[in-house]
Amino acid sequence: MAPNDVACPSCGDNHLVHVGAIPEGYQFAGRTLEERIPGGSLYRCKNCRLAFKHPCLSKEDLNRLYQQAEAAVWTYDPEKRPDWTLAKKVLSESQLSGKLLDVGCFDGGFLRYVVESSSDWVPYGVELNVEAALRAKGHGIEMVGSDADHVEGIGTYDAVVSFDVIEHLTDPSAFLKSLTQLVRPGGLIMISTGNVDAPSWKLMGSRYWYCALAEHLSFISPAWCRKISHDLGLNVERIHTFSHEQNRSVPLRLAEAAKNMIYRILPSLFKKLRQRGMGGVDIQANPELADTPPIWISAEDQFMVVFKKL
């Protein structure tokens, strides 16, 4: 059961399931921290199906850590981003054109990926990181704000995208509402993030690697998207599930599944195996990191949702 003072940040309901404790975080946005971040607990709302961490860092602490993040963390090769490929395909098939806004665009990689092969779209970006925003501007992208709540051109964008952003926010419903206000009627909104209803995540619960990343705070699912779409005047057009690992070979999938199963069912055995070098964490030098979850990058635990504004 959840404590009486905990409520869903999305719908405000206090009928929650306590999924379990989350391991402490020792990295934030690719940078190893001097002090670990308490993991808190993972809760799941019975009403809207949002999963979220509680307690979590304050907005001030989060912004401070983001400004110290490694720049390379959010710099991508488009060919290694299945969600970018899917989004570009959706845009090309939509028969839409005009103003394309990327909220959380970092250095504008996705926008450049689209406009380099199509003259149908004019790129606009929103980015909190000052250095990244300047880089995007240098690539010819018009920057129209630092966050979704303060953007120029309300209701004028033909398509709005946001990749790997919503999981970093404490209130996903408020974020999606902001995106809805930015797009014109008939326009598209596309979001990609982790899928809390993926089989691998259901198996691991609060000890799943994606959940344990210190910068990840909220976790949505196709069920959450379908429920909230009615409240915001949106229609769910498509849902695509995918993995960020392109080479999902059978040996890799079996190896990662085995590591996670051992970690989940026999943690003491996993700790001994980790002492012998398994799991990618040097616990000889950092024994306090023995409880860090192994990654499961080959799992199909991500999804992209395409909304259409009615």
C-alpha atoms as a PDB file:
ATOM      1  CA  MET A   1       0.000   0.000   0.000  1.00  0.00           C
ATOM      2  CA  ALA A   2       1.105   3.590  -0.674  1.00  0.00           C
ATOM      3  CA  PRO A   3       1.489   6.129   2.136  1.00  0.00           C
ATOM      4  CA  ASN A   4      -1.561   8.353   2.609  1.00  0.00           C
ATOM      5  CA  ASP A   5       0.323  11.466   1.453  1.00  0.00           C
ATOM      6  CA  VAL A   6       1.283   9.999  -1.946  1.00  0.00           C
ATOM      7  CA  ALA A   7      -0.985  10.731  -4.928  1.00  0.00           C
ATOM      8  CA  CYS A   8      -0.651  10.161  -8.651  1.00  0.00           C
ATOM      9  CA  PRO A   9       1.035  13.211 -10.243  1.00  0.00           C
ATOM     10  CA  SER A  10      -0.959  12.639 -13.430  1.00  0.00           C
ATOM     11  CA  CYS A  11      -4.568  12.315 -12.230  1.00  0.00           C
ATOM     12  CA  GLY A  12      -4.322  13.049  -8.499  1.00  0.00           C
ATOM     13  CA  ASP A  13      -5.813   9.703  -7.464  1.00  0.00           C
ATOM     14  CA  ASN A  14      -4.444   8.089  -4.298  1.00  0.00           C
ATOM     15  CA  HIS A  15      -5.445   4.524  -5.153  1.00  0.00           C
ATOM     16  CA  LEU A  16      -1.937   3.282  -5.820  1.00  0.00           C
ATOM     17  CA  VAL A  17      -0.005   0.035  -5.933  1.00  0.00           C
ATOM     18  CA  HIS A  18       3.406   0.035  -4.277  1.00  0.00           C
ATOM     19  CA  VAL A  19       5.458  -1.912  -6.837  1.00  0.00           C
ATOM     20  CA  GLY A  20       8.630  -1.927  -4.749  1.00  0.00           C
ATOM     21  CA  ALA A  21      11.831  -0.155  -3.761  1.00  0.00           C
ATOM     22  CA  ILE A  22      14.114   1.216  -6.489  1.00  0.00           C
ATOM     23  CA  PRO A  23      17.891   0.726  -6.179  1.00  0.00           C
ATOM     24  CA  GLU A  24      20.008   3.817  -5.513  1.00  0.00           C
ATOM     25  CA  GLY A  25      21.371   5.684  -8.523  1.00  0.00           C
ATOM     26  CA  TYR A  26      25.105   6.193  -9.003  1.00  0.00           C
ATOM     27  CA  GLN A  27      24.927   7.856 -12.434  1.00  0.00           C
ATOM     28  CA  PHE A  28      22.921  10.769 -13.792  1.00  0.00           C
ATOM     29  CA  ALA A  29      22.645  11.373 -17.540  1.00  0.00           C
ATOM     30  CA  GLY A  30      25.848   9.483 -18.245  1.00  0.00           C
ATOM     31  CA  ARG A  31      27.948  11.045 -15.461  1.00  0.00           C
ATOM     32  CA  THR A  32      29.113   9.048 -12.440  1.00  0.00           C
ATOM     33  CA  LEU A  33      28.072  10.822  -9.246  1.00  0.00           C
ATOM     34  CA  GLU A  34      30.177  11.405  -6.162  1.00  0.00           C
ATOM     35  CA  GLU A  35      27.130  10.783  -3.988  1.00  0.00           C
ATOM     36  CA  ARG A  36      24.424   8.235  -4.742  1.00  0.00           C
ATOM     37  CA  ILE A  37      20.827   9.339  -5.285  1.00  0.00           C
ATOM     38  CA  PRO A  38      18.173   7.550  -3.201  1.00  0.00           C
ATOM     39  CA  GLY A  39      15.976   5.441  -5.456  1.00  0.00           C
ATOM     40  CA  GLY A  40      12.740   5.862  -3.532  1.00  0.00           C
ATOM     41  CA  SER A  41       9.859   3.590  -4.502  1.00  0.00           C
ATOM     42  CA  LEU A  42       7.928   2.805  -7.656  1.00  0.00           C
ATOM     43  CA  TYR A  43       4.154   3.312  -7.500  1.00  0.00           C
ATOM     44  CA  ARG A  44       1.467   2.515 -10.072  1.00  0.00           C
ATOM     45  CA  CYS A  45      -1.831   4.409 -10.240  1.00  0.00           C
ATOM     46  CA  LYS A  46      -4.885   2.146 -10.420  1.00  0.00           C
ATOM     47  CA  ASN A  47      -6.893   4.850 -12.157  1.00  0.00           C
ATOM     48  CA  CYS A  48      -4.738   6.186 -15.024  1.00  0.00           C
ATOM     49  CA  ARG A  49      -2.017   3.473 -14.974  1.00  0.00           C
ATOM     50  CA  LEU A  50       0.900   5.897 -14.625  1.00  0.00           C
ATOM     51  CA  ALA A  51       3.969   4.550 -12.814  1.00  0.00           C
ATOM     52  CA  PHE A  52       6.182   7.011 -10.960  1.00  0.00           C
ATOM     53  CA  LYS A  53       8.984   7.398  -8.447  1.00  0.00           C
ATOM     54  CA  HIS A  54       8.389   8.814  -4.998  1.00  0.00           C
ATOM     55  CA  PRO A  55      10.073  10.637  -3.477  1.00  0.00           C
ATOM     56  CA  CYS A  56      12.296  12.177  -6.138  1.00  0.00           C
ATOM     57  CA  LEU A  57      14.721  15.071  -6.459  1.00  0.00           C
ATOM     58  CA  SER A  58      13.501  18.663  -6.547  1.00  0.00           C
ATOM     59  CA  LYS A  59      13.313  20.509  -9.863  1.00  0.00           C
ATOM     60  CA  GLU A  60      16.255  22.680  -8.773  1.00  0.00           C
ATOM     61  CA  ASP A  61      18.446  19.653  -8.044  1.00  0.00           C
ATOM     62  CA  LEU A  62      17.438  18.008 -11.315  1.00  0.00           C
ATOM     63  CA  ASN A  63      18.243  21.110 -13.377  1.00  0.00           C
ATOM     64  CA  ARG A  64      21.629  21.394 -11.665  1.00  0.00           C
ATOM     65  CA  LEU A  65      22.471  17.794 -12.523  1.00  0.00           C
ATOM     66  CA  TYR A  66      21.285  18.197 -16.128  1.00  0.00           C
ATOM     67  CA  GLN A  67      23.595  21.151 -16.637  1.00  0.00           C
ATOM     68  CA  GLN A  68      26.490  18.893 -15.574  1.00  0.00           C
ATOM     69  CA  ALA A  69      25.468  16.073 -17.930  1.00  0.00           C
ATOM     70  CA  GLU A  70      27.761  14.629 -20.557  1.00  0.00           C
ATOM     71  CA  ALA A  71      26.891  16.236 -23.914  1.00  0.00           C
ATOM     72  CA  ALA A  72      27.401  12.981 -25.809  1.00  0.00           C
ATOM     73  CA  VAL A  73      24.553  11.292 -23.911  1.00  0.00           C
ATOM     74  CA  TRP A  74      21.899  12.839 -26.179  1.00  0.00           C
ATOM     75  CA  THR A  75      23.882  12.980 -29.423  1.00  0.00           C
ATOM     76  CA  TYR A  76      22.705  10.222 -31.748  1.00  0.00           C
ATOM     77  CA  ASP A  77      23.304   8.655 -35.112  1.00  0.00           C
ATOM     78  CA  PRO A  78      19.836   8.697 -36.761  1.00  0.00           C
ATOM     79  CA  GLU A  79      20.362   5.174 -38.050  1.00  0.00           C
ATOM     80  CA  LYS A  80      20.587   3.953 -34.462  1.00  0.00           C
ATOM     81  CA  ARG A  81      17.288   5.510 -33.432  1.00  0.00           C
ATOM     82  CA  PRO A  82      14.307   3.311 -34.411  1.00  0.00           C
ATOM     83  CA  ASP A  83      11.885   5.930 -33.064  1.00  0.00           C
ATOM     84  CA  TRP A  84      13.391   8.598 -35.315  1.00  0.00           C
ATOM     85  CA  THR A  85      13.006   6.306 -38.307  1.00  0.00           C
ATOM     86  CA  LEU A  86       9.393   5.544 -37.360  1.00  0.00           C
ATOM     87  CA  ALA A  87       8.570   9.210 -36.792  1.00  0.00           C
ATOM     88  CA  LYS A  88      10.086  10.240 -40.111  1.00  0.00           C
ATOM     89  CA  LYS A  89       8.034   7.552 -41.851  1.00  0.00           C
ATOM     90  CA  VAL A  90       4.827   8.717 -40.120  1.00  0.00           C
ATOM     91  CA  LEU A  91       5.512  12.305 -41.204  1.00  0.00           C
ATOM     92  CA  SER A  92       6.126  11.285 -44.815  1.00  0.00           C
ATOM     93  CA  GLU A  93       2.902   9.239 -44.902  1.00  0.00           C
ATOM     94  CA  SER A  94       0.759  11.830 -43.122  1.00  0.00           C
ATOM     95  CA  GLN A  95       0.329  14.200 -46.087  1.00  0.00           C
ATOM     96  CA  LEU A  96       1.046  17.005 -43.646  1.00  0.00           C
ATOM     97  CA  SER A  97       3.692  19.694 -44.070  1.00  0.00           C
ATOM     98  CA  GLY A  98       4.680  22.957 -42.453  1.00  0.00           C
ATOM     99  CA  LYS A  99       6.003  23.655 -38.976  1.00  0.00           C
ATOM    100  CA  LEU A 100       7.713  20.745 -37.181  1.00  0.00           C
ATOM    101  CA  LEU A 101       8.568  21.271 -33.521  1.00  0.00           C
ATOM    102  CA  ASP A 102      10.884  19.020 -31.478  1.00  0.00           C
ATOM    103  CA  VAL A 103      10.467  19.528 -27.715  1.00  0.00           C
ATOM    104  CA  GLY A 104      13.715  18.493 -26.076  1.00  0.00           C
ATOM    105  CA  CYS A 105      15.564  18.575 -29.398  1.00  0.00           C
ATOM    106  CA  PHE A 106      19.053  18.813 -27.842  1.00  0.00           C
ATOM    107  CA  ASP A 107      21.334  19.703 -30.806  1.00  0.00           C
ATOM    108  CA  GLY A 108      18.564  19.241 -33.397  1.00  0.00           C
ATOM    109  CA  GLY A 109      19.617  15.804 -34.658  1.00  0.00           C
ATOM    110  CA  PHE A 110      16.116  14.548 -35.456  1.00  0.00           C
ATOM    111  CA  LEU A 111      15.034  17.782 -37.124  1.00  0.00           C
ATOM    112  CA  ARG A 112      18.092  17.745 -39.374  1.00  0.00           C
ATOM    113  CA  TYR A 113      17.410  14.082 -40.172  1.00  0.00           C
ATOM    114  CA  VAL A 114      13.953  15.036 -41.444  1.00  0.00           C
ATOM    115  CA  VAL A 115      14.645  18.278 -43.305  1.00  0.00           C
ATOM    116  CA  GLU A 116      17.774  16.999 -45.043  1.00  0.00           C
ATOM    117  CA  SER A 117      15.596  14.649 -47.095  1.00  0.00           C
ATOM    118  CA  SER A 118      12.368  16.674 -47.278  1.00  0.00           C
ATOM    119  CA  SER A 119      11.516  20.300 -47.995  1.00  0.00           C
ATOM    120  CA  ASP A 120       8.005  19.844 -46.583  1.00  0.00           C
ATOM    121  CA  TRP A 121       8.995  20.755 -43.038  1.00  0.00           C
ATOM    122  CA  VAL A 122      10.346  23.903 -41.370  1.00  0.00           C
ATOM    123  CA  PRO A 123      12.222  22.933 -38.174  1.00  0.00           C
ATOM    124  CA  TYR A 124      11.650  24.498 -34.746  1.00  0.00           C
ATOM    125  CA  GLY A 125      13.193  23.431 -31.462  1.00  0.00           C
ATOM    126  CA  VAL A 126      12.775  23.648 -27.699  1.00  0.00           C
ATOM    127  CA  GLU A 127      15.778  22.862 -25.509  1.00  0.00           C
ATOM    128  CA  LEU A 128      16.710  23.539 -21.887  1.00  0.00           C
ATOM    129  CA  ASN A 129      20.456  22.979 -22.256  1.00  0.00           C
ATOM    130  CA  VAL A 130      21.913  26.323 -23.386  1.00  0.00           C
ATOM    131  CA  GLU A 131      24.954  24.870 -25.163  1.00  0.00           C
ATOM    132  CA  ALA A 132      22.863  22.313 -27.057  1.00  0.00           C
ATOM    133  CA  ALA A 133      20.315  24.973 -28.049  1.00  0.00           C
ATOM    134  CA  LEU A 134      23.085  27.110 -29.528  1.00  0.00           C
ATOM    135  CA  ARG A 135      24.340  24.139 -31.519  1.00  0.00           C
ATOM    136  CA  ALA A 136      20.844  23.493 -32.863  1.00  0.00           C
ATOM    137  CA  LYS A 137      20.484  27.156 -33.807  1.00  0.00           C
ATOM    138  CA  GLY A 138      23.807  26.945 -35.603  1.00  0.00           C
ATOM    139  CA  HIS A 139      22.319  24.172 -37.757  1.00  0.00           C
ATOM    140  CA  GLY A 140      19.531  26.500 -38.925  1.00  0.00           C
ATOM    141  CA  ILE A 141      16.854  25.430 -36.428  1.00  0.00           C
ATOM    142  CA  GLU A 142      14.712  28.220 -35.009  1.00  0.00           C
ATOM    143  CA  MET A 143      14.671  27.876 -31.227  1.00  0.00           C
ATOM    144  CA  VAL A 144      11.333  28.971 -29.760  1.00  0.00           C
ATOM    145  CA  GLY A 145      11.690  28.205 -26.063  1.00  0.00           C
ATOM    146  CA  SER A 146      13.496  26.357 -23.302  1.00  0.00           C
ATOM    147  CA  ASP A 147      10.550  24.205 -22.156  1.00  0.00           C
ATOM    148  CA  ALA A 148       7.090  23.231 -23.365  1.00  0.00           C
ATOM    149  CA  ASP A 149       5.310  25.700 -21.061  1.00  0.00           C
ATOM    150  CA  HIS A 150       6.942  28.760 -22.638  1.00  0.00           C
ATOM    151  CA  VAL A 151       6.910  28.316 -26.410  1.00  0.00           C
ATOM    152  CA  GLU A 152       6.208  30.824 -29.146  1.00  0.00           C
ATOM    153  CA  GLY A 153       3.461  29.987 -31.645  1.00  0.00           C
ATOM    154  CA  ILE A 154       0.744  28.286 -29.587  1.00  0.00           C
ATOM    155  CA  GLY A 155      -1.576  26.249 -31.820  1.00  0.00           C
ATOM    156  CA  THR A 156       0.436  26.828 -34.986  1.00  0.00           C
ATOM    157  CA  TYR A 157       2.576  23.702 -35.332  1.00  0.00           C
ATOM    158  CA  ASP A 158       1.590  20.993 -37.791  1.00  0.00           C
ATOM    159  CA  ALA A 159       3.517  18.287 -35.939  1.00  0.00           C
ATOM    160  CA  VAL A 160       5.183  18.122 -32.522  1.00  0.00           C
ATOM    161  CA  VAL A 161       7.621  15.400 -31.481  1.00  0.00           C
ATOM    162  CA  SER A 162       9.341  14.630 -28.191  1.00  0.00           C
ATOM    163  CA  PHE A 163      11.756  11.732 -27.832  1.00  0.00           C
ATOM    164  CA  ASP A 164      12.968  10.380 -24.474  1.00  0.00           C
ATOM    165  CA  VAL A 165      11.715  13.416 -22.550  1.00  0.00           C
ATOM    166  CA  ILE A 166       8.476  12.512 -20.783  1.00  0.00           C
ATOM    167  CA  GLU A 167      10.171   9.997 -18.455  1.00  0.00           C
ATOM    168  CA  HIS A 168      12.297  12.842 -17.057  1.00  0.00           C
ATOM    169  CA  LEU A 169       9.243  14.795 -15.847  1.00  0.00           C
ATOM    170  CA  THR A 170       7.198  14.504 -12.676  1.00  0.00           C
ATOM    171  CA  ASP A 171       3.843  15.287 -14.373  1.00  0.00           C
ATOM    172  CA  PRO A 172       3.482  13.599 -17.785  1.00  0.00           C
ATOM    173  CA  SER A 173      -0.155  14.672 -18.183  1.00  0.00           C
ATOM    174  CA  ALA A 174       0.746  18.370 -17.835  1.00  0.00           C
ATOM    175  CA  PHE A 175       3.525  17.887 -20.388  1.00  0.00           C
ATOM    176  CA  LEU A 176       1.230  16.215 -22.913  1.00  0.00           C
ATOM    177  CA  LYS A 177      -1.341  18.962 -22.338  1.00  0.00           C
ATOM    178  CA  SER A 178       1.346  21.539 -23.204  1.00  0.00           C
ATOM    179  CA  LEU A 179       2.174  19.691 -26.425  1.00  0.00           C
ATOM    180  CA  THR A 180      -1.534  19.518 -27.295  1.00  0.00           C
ATOM    181  CA  GLN A 181      -1.817  23.290 -26.971  1.00  0.00           C
ATOM    182  CA  LEU A 182       1.104  23.763 -29.356  1.00  0.00           C
ATOM    183  CA  VAL A 183      -0.263  21.720 -32.278  1.00  0.00           C
ATOM    184  CA  ARG A 184      -3.082  22.807 -34.570  1.00  0.00           C
ATOM    185  CA  PRO A 185      -6.292  20.766 -34.966  1.00  0.00           C
ATOM    186  CA  GLY A 186      -5.564  17.845 -37.295  1.00  0.00           C
ATOM    187  CA  GLY A 187      -1.876  17.964 -36.418  1.00  0.00           C
ATOM    188  CA  LEU A 188       0.221  15.149 -34.971  1.00  0.00           C
ATOM    189  CA  ILE A 189       2.012  14.619 -31.660  1.00  0.00           C
ATOM    190  CA  MET A 190       4.601  11.848 -31.398  1.00  0.00           C
ATOM    191  CA  ILE A 191       6.225  10.722 -28.140  1.00  0.00           C
ATOM    192  CA  SER A 192       8.733   7.934 -27.530  1.00  0.00           C
ATOM    193  CA  THR A 193       9.712   6.563 -24.126  1.00  0.00           C
ATOM    194  CA  GLY A 194       9.975   3.375 -22.092  1.00  0.00           C
ATOM    195  CA  ASN A 195       6.936   1.091 -21.852  1.00  0.00           C
ATOM    196  CA  VAL A 196       6.153   0.161 -18.252  1.00  0.00           C
ATOM    197  CA  ASP A 197       3.875  -2.620 -19.569  1.00  0.00           C
ATOM    198  CA  ALA A 198       6.677  -4.332 -21.520  1.00  0.00           C
ATOM    199  CA  PRO A 199       7.053  -8.013 -20.491  1.00  0.00           C
ATOM    200  CA  SER A 200      10.653  -7.491 -19.342  1.00  0.00           C
ATOM    201  CA  TRP A 201       9.618  -4.597 -17.099  1.00  0.00           C
ATOM    202  CA  LYS A 202       6.662  -6.528 -15.655  1.00  0.00           C
ATOM    203  CA  LEU A 203       9.063  -9.326 -14.748  1.00  0.00           C
ATOM    204  CA  MET A 204      11.572  -7.060 -13.004  1.00  0.00           C
ATOM    205  CA  GLY A 205       9.200  -4.538 -11.400  1.00  0.00           C
ATOM    206  CA  SER A 206      10.898  -1.709  -9.513  1.00  0.00           C
ATOM    207  CA  ARG A 207      14.302  -3.332 -10.072  1.00  0.00           C
ATOM    208  CA  TYR A 208      14.205  -2.820 -13.840  1.00  0.00           C
ATOM    209  CA  TRP A 209      17.253  -1.038 -15.269  1.00  0.00           C
ATOM    210  CA  TYR A 210      15.253   1.697 -17.051  1.00  0.00           C
ATOM    211  CA  CYS A 211      13.391   2.531 -13.870  1.00  0.00           C
ATOM    212  CA  ALA A 212      16.594   2.630 -11.822  1.00  0.00           C
ATOM    213  CA  LEU A 213      18.183   5.411 -13.900  1.00  0.00           C
ATOM    214  CA  ALA A 214      18.249   8.375 -11.518  1.00  0.00           C
ATOM    215  CA  GLU A 215      17.026  10.882 -14.127  1.00  0.00           C
ATOM    216  CA  HIS A 216      13.933   8.812 -14.972  1.00  0.00           C
ATOM    217  CA  LEU A 217      10.941   9.818 -12.848  1.00  0.00           C
ATOM    218  CA  SER A 218       7.686   8.855 -14.615  1.00  0.00           C
ATOM    219  CA  PHE A 219       6.765   5.853 -16.732  1.00  0.00           C
ATOM    220  CA  ILE A 220       3.844   5.685 -19.134  1.00  0.00           C
ATOM    221  CA  SER A 221       2.327   2.939 -21.263  1.00  0.00           C
ATOM    222  CA  PRO A 222      -0.073   2.546 -24.197  1.00  0.00           C
ATOM    223  CA  ALA A 223      -2.879   2.149 -21.637  1.00  0.00           C
ATOM    224  CA  TRP A 224      -2.036   5.519 -20.061  1.00  0.00           C
ATOM    225  CA  CYS A 225      -1.925   7.149 -23.498  1.00  0.00           C
ATOM    226  CA  ARG A 226      -5.347   5.810 -24.476  1.00  0.00           C
ATOM    227  CA  LYS A 227      -6.908   6.970 -21.213  1.00  0.00           C
ATOM    228  CA  ILE A 228      -5.502  10.479 -21.196  1.00  0.00           C
ATOM    229  CA  SER A 229      -6.135  11.054 -24.908  1.00  0.00           C
ATOM    230  CA  HIS A 230      -9.878  11.382 -24.276  1.00  0.00           C
ATOM    231  CA  ASP A 231      -9.310  14.111 -21.670  1.00  0.00           C
ATOM    232  CA  LEU A 232      -7.068  16.140 -23.992  1.00  0.00           C
ATOM    233  CA  GLY A 233      -9.027  15.885 -27.238  1.00  0.00           C
ATOM    234  CA  LEU A 234      -6.566  13.547 -28.886  1.00  0.00           C
ATOM    235  CA  ASN A 235      -6.926  10.319 -30.823  1.00  0.00           C
ATOM    236  CA  VAL A 236      -4.333   7.552 -30.602  1.00  0.00           C
ATOM    237  CA  GLU A 237      -3.483   6.860 -34.240  1.00  0.00           C
ATOM    238  CA  ARG A 238      -0.673   4.335 -33.860  1.00  0.00           C
ATOM    239  CA  ILE A 239       1.504   2.660 -31.248  1.00  0.00           C
ATOM    240  CA  HIS A 240       4.846   1.154 -32.203  1.00  0.00           C
ATOM    241  CA  THR A 241       6.927  -0.951 -29.794  1.00  0.00           C
ATOM    242  CA  PHE A 242      10.660  -1.272 -30.378  1.00  0.00           C
ATOM    243  CA  SER A 243      14.086  -1.876 -28.869  1.00  0.00           C
ATOM    244  CA  HIS A 244      16.981   0.589 -28.940  1.00  0.00           C
ATOM    245  CA  GLU A 245      19.317  -2.330 -29.660  1.00  0.00           C
ATOM    246  CA  GLN A 246      19.518  -2.956 -33.407  1.00  0.00           C
ATOM    247  CA  ASN A 247      21.527  -6.155 -33.176  1.00  0.00           C
ATOM    248  CA  ARG A 248      19.072  -8.209 -31.120  1.00  0.00           C
ATOM    249  CA  SER A 249      20.901 -11.458 -31.675  1.00  0.00           C
ATOM    250  CA  VAL A 250      19.667 -14.584 -29.913  1.00  0.00           C
ATOM    251  CA  PRO A 251      22.865 -14.914 -27.802  1.00  0.00           C
ATOM    252  CA  LEU A 252      22.572 -11.294 -26.613  1.00  0.00           C
ATOM    253  CA  ARG A 253      18.894 -11.621 -25.778  1.00  0.00           C
ATOM    254  CA  LEU A 254      19.457 -14.868 -23.881  1.00  0.00           C
ATOM    255  CA  ALA A 255      22.455 -13.459 -21.990  1.00  0.00           C
ATOM    256  CA  GLU A 256      20.643 -10.303 -20.885  1.00  0.00           C
ATOM    257  CA  ALA A 257      17.502 -12.222 -19.955  1.00  0.00           C
ATOM    258  CA  ALA A 258      19.575 -14.665 -17.864  1.00  0.00           C
ATOM    259  CA  LYS A 259      21.414 -11.866 -16.035  1.00  0.00           C
ATOM    260  CA  ASN A 260      18.174 -10.131 -15.155  1.00  0.00           C
ATOM    261  CA  MET A 261      16.472 -13.329 -14.046  1.00  0.00           C
ATOM    262  CA  ILE A 262      19.382 -14.165 -11.727  1.00  0.00           C
ATOM    263  CA  TYR A 263      19.406 -10.585 -10.396  1.00  0.00           C
ATOM    264  CA  ARG A 264      15.653 -10.770  -9.736  1.00  0.00           C
ATOM    265  CA  ILE A 265      15.397 -14.261  -8.244  1.00  0.00           C
ATOM    266  CA  LEU A 266      18.858 -14.950  -6.769  1.00  0.00           C
ATOM    267  CA  PRO A 267      20.422 -11.591  -5.856  1.00  0.00           C
ATOM    268  CA  SER A 268      23.105 -13.158  -3.687  1.00  0.00           C
ATOM    269  CA  LEU A 269      24.254 -15.348  -6.593  1.00  0.00           C
ATOM    270  CA  PHE A 270      24.212 -12.343  -8.919  1.00  0.00           C
ATOM    271  CA  LYS A 271      26.386 -10.427  -6.455  1.00  0.00           C
ATOM    272  CA  LYS A 272      28.935 -13.263  -6.467  1.00  0.00           C
ATOM    273  CA  LEU A 273      28.926 -13.350 -10.275  1.00  0.00           C
ATOM    274  CA  ARG A 274      29.394  -9.599 -10.333  1.00  0.00           C
ATOM    275  CA  GLN A 275      32.457  -9.971  -8.113  1.00  0.00           C
ATOM    276  CA  ARG A 276      33.856 -12.049 -10.945  1.00  0.00           C
ATOM    277  CA  GLY A 277      33.268  -9.290 -13.480  1.00  0.00           C
ATOM    278  CA  MET A 278      29.737  -9.967 -14.770  1.00  0.00           C
ATOM    279  CA  GLY A 279      27.266  -7.109 -15.121  1.00  0.00           C
ATOM    280  CA  GLY A 280      29.445  -4.219 -16.237  1.00  0.00           C
ATOM    281  CA  VAL A 281      29.982  -2.726 -12.755  1.00  0.00           C
ATOM    282  CA  ASP A 282      33.281  -2.903 -10.874  1.00  0.00           C
ATOM    283  CA  ILE A 283      32.099  -3.725  -7.376  1.00  0.00           C
ATOM    284  CA  GLN A 284      35.609  -4.578  -6.228  1.00  0.00           C
ATOM    285  CA  ALA A 285      36.381  -0.859  -6.349  1.00  0.00           C
ATOM    286  CA  ASN A 286      32.794   0.187  -5.585  1.00  0.00           C
ATOM    287  CA  PRO A 287      31.175  -2.473  -3.350  1.00  0.00           C
ATOM    288  CA  GLU A 288      28.183  -0.209  -2.675  1.00  0.00           C
ATOM    289  CA  LEU A 289      27.110  -0.657  -6.314  1.00  0.00           C
ATOM    290  CA  ALA A 290      26.476  -4.394  -5.985  1.00  0.00           C
ATOM    291  CA  ASP A 291      22.704  -3.864  -6.145  1.00  0.00           C
ATOM    292  CA  THR A 292      22.757  -1.939  -9.445  1.00  0.00           C
ATOM    293  CA  PRO A 293      20.460  -3.639 -12.017  1.00  0.00           C
ATOM    294  CA  PRO A 294      21.979  -5.126 -15.168  1.00  0.00           C
ATOM    295  CA  ILE A 295      20.824  -3.481 -18.387  1.00  0.00           C
ATOM    296  CA  TRP A 296      18.342  -5.196 -20.700  1.00  0.00           C
ATOM    297  CA  ILE A 297      18.890  -3.125 -23.817  1.00  0.00           C
ATOM    298  CA  SER A 298      17.863  -5.983 -26.144  1.00  0.00           C
ATOM    299  CA  ALA A 299      14.347  -6.087 -24.668  1.00  0.00           C
ATOM    300  CA  GLU A 300      11.514  -4.555 -26.695  1.00  0.00           C
ATOM    301  CA  ASP A 301      10.731  -2.187 -23.846  1.00  0.00           C
ATOM    302  CA  GLN A 302      10.256   1.112 -25.692  1.00  0.00           C
ATOM    303  CA  PHE A 303       7.285   2.507 -27.577  1.00  0.00           C
ATOM    304  CA  MET A 304       6.270   5.443 -29.743  1.00  0.00           C
ATOM    305  CA  VAL A 305       2.729   6.767 -29.708  1.00  0.00           C
ATOM    306  CA  VAL A 306       1.204   8.902 -32.469  1.00  0.00           C
ATOM    307  CA  PHE A 307      -1.621  11.206 -31.400  1.00  0.00           C
ATOM    308  CA  LYS A 308      -3.825  13.271 -33.680  1.00  0.00           C
ATOM    309  CA  LYS A 309      -5.445  16.437 -32.339  1.00  0.00           C
ATOM    310  CA  LEU A 310      -9.176  16.414 -32.993  1.00  0.00           C
END
